[in-house]
Protein backbone atom coordinates (compact mmCIF):
# COMPACT_ATOMS: atom_id res chain seq x y z
CA UNK A 1 106.22 -38.29 138.91
CA UNK A 2 107.41 -35.71 136.41
CA UNK A 3 106.95 -36.09 132.70
CA UNK A 4 109.22 -34.84 129.97
CA UNK A 5 106.71 -32.05 129.38
CA UNK A 6 107.08 -31.04 133.03
CA UNK A 7 110.85 -30.88 132.61
CA UNK A 8 110.54 -28.83 129.42
CA UNK A 9 108.12 -26.44 131.14
CA UNK A 10 110.40 -26.18 134.17
CA UNK A 11 113.39 -25.43 131.94
CA UNK A 12 111.43 -22.72 130.14
CA UNK A 13 110.39 -21.15 133.45
CA UNK A 14 113.95 -21.28 134.80
CA UNK A 15 115.29 -19.80 131.57
CA UNK A 16 112.78 -16.94 131.66
CA UNK A 17 113.65 -16.24 135.30
CA UNK A 18 117.37 -16.25 134.48
CA UNK A 19 116.90 -13.88 131.56
CA UNK A 20 114.79 -11.49 133.66
CA UNK A 21 117.30 -11.57 136.52
CA UNK A 22 120.24 -10.90 134.20
CA UNK A 23 118.46 -7.97 132.59
CA UNK A 24 117.51 -6.58 136.02
CA UNK A 25 121.14 -6.92 137.15
CA UNK A 26 122.37 -4.97 134.12
CA UNK A 27 119.73 -2.26 134.63
CA UNK A 28 120.73 -1.96 138.28
CA UNK A 29 124.40 -1.72 137.29
CA UNK A 30 123.60 1.15 134.92
CA UNK A 31 121.56 2.96 137.58
CA UNK A 32 124.14 2.55 140.35
CA UNK A 33 127.01 3.51 138.07
CA UNK A 34 125.14 6.65 137.02
CA UNK A 35 124.51 7.61 140.65
CA UNK A 36 128.16 6.93 141.54
CA UNK A 37 129.25 9.29 138.76
CA UNK A 38 126.68 11.94 139.68
CA UNK A 39 127.52 11.95 143.39
CA UNK A 40 131.21 12.00 142.56
CA UNK A 41 130.80 14.95 140.17
CA UNK A 42 133.24 17.71 141.13
CA UNK A 43 130.48 20.34 141.04
CA UNK A 44 128.81 18.93 144.15
CA UNK A 45 130.83 15.96 145.33
CA UNK A 46 130.35 14.95 148.94
CA UNK A 47 133.71 13.27 149.34
CA UNK A 48 135.23 10.42 147.41
CA UNK A 49 132.70 8.09 145.86
CA UNK A 50 133.81 4.63 144.94
CA UNK A 51 132.24 2.95 141.97
CA UNK A 52 132.70 0.09 139.61
CA UNK A 53 136.11 -0.58 138.14
CA UNK A 54 134.84 -3.15 135.66
CA UNK A 55 131.88 -3.86 133.45
CA UNK A 56 129.32 -6.37 134.72
CA UNK A 57 129.60 -9.96 133.59
CA UNK A 58 126.57 -11.97 132.55
CA UNK A 59 126.80 -15.58 131.43
CA UNK A 60 124.91 -16.00 128.17
CA UNK A 61 122.67 -18.97 127.40
CA UNK A 62 121.97 -20.02 123.82
CA UNK A 63 118.25 -20.49 124.40
CA UNK A 64 117.35 -17.89 127.00
CA UNK A 65 119.92 -15.12 127.08
CA UNK A 66 121.90 -14.38 123.98
CA UNK A 67 123.08 -11.36 122.09
CA UNK A 68 125.32 -8.56 123.18
CA UNK A 69 125.31 -7.47 126.80
CA UNK A 70 127.73 -5.02 128.26
CA UNK A 71 130.43 -3.02 126.63
CA UNK A 72 129.80 0.44 125.33
CA UNK A 73 126.01 0.12 125.41
CA UNK A 74 126.00 -0.12 129.21
CA UNK A 75 128.54 2.66 129.58
CA UNK A 76 126.54 4.87 127.20
CA UNK A 77 123.35 4.17 129.15
CA UNK A 78 125.07 4.99 132.46
CA UNK A 79 126.51 8.20 131.03
CA UNK A 80 123.11 9.29 129.70
CA UNK A 81 121.49 8.56 133.06
CA UNK A 82 124.30 10.45 134.82
CA UNK A 83 123.63 13.52 132.67
CA UNK A 84 119.93 13.31 133.50
CA UNK A 85 120.71 13.02 137.22
CA UNK A 86 123.08 16.00 137.13
CA UNK A 87 120.48 18.11 135.32
CA UNK A 88 117.85 17.20 137.92
CA UNK A 89 119.86 18.71 140.79
CA UNK A 90 118.65 22.12 141.83
């Protein structure tokens, strides 16, 4: 039989997993968006490359995932990664 401490510990573990998954999702969005832009670059495009038409959505949680996610910070990160990818092509 579970105790209240077990439930509190389970909630903390679930919250940590949710936070890690959300952050991994956002990092993957940045990486994929950067590759979409790089592959679609007119200098060496290999045909039309489809990419994201919207920013990712993450549901915030007051205890485990709060703050500002998305917006210009993600776009800026994707653009910076895109530049790095373009520069790496020889």
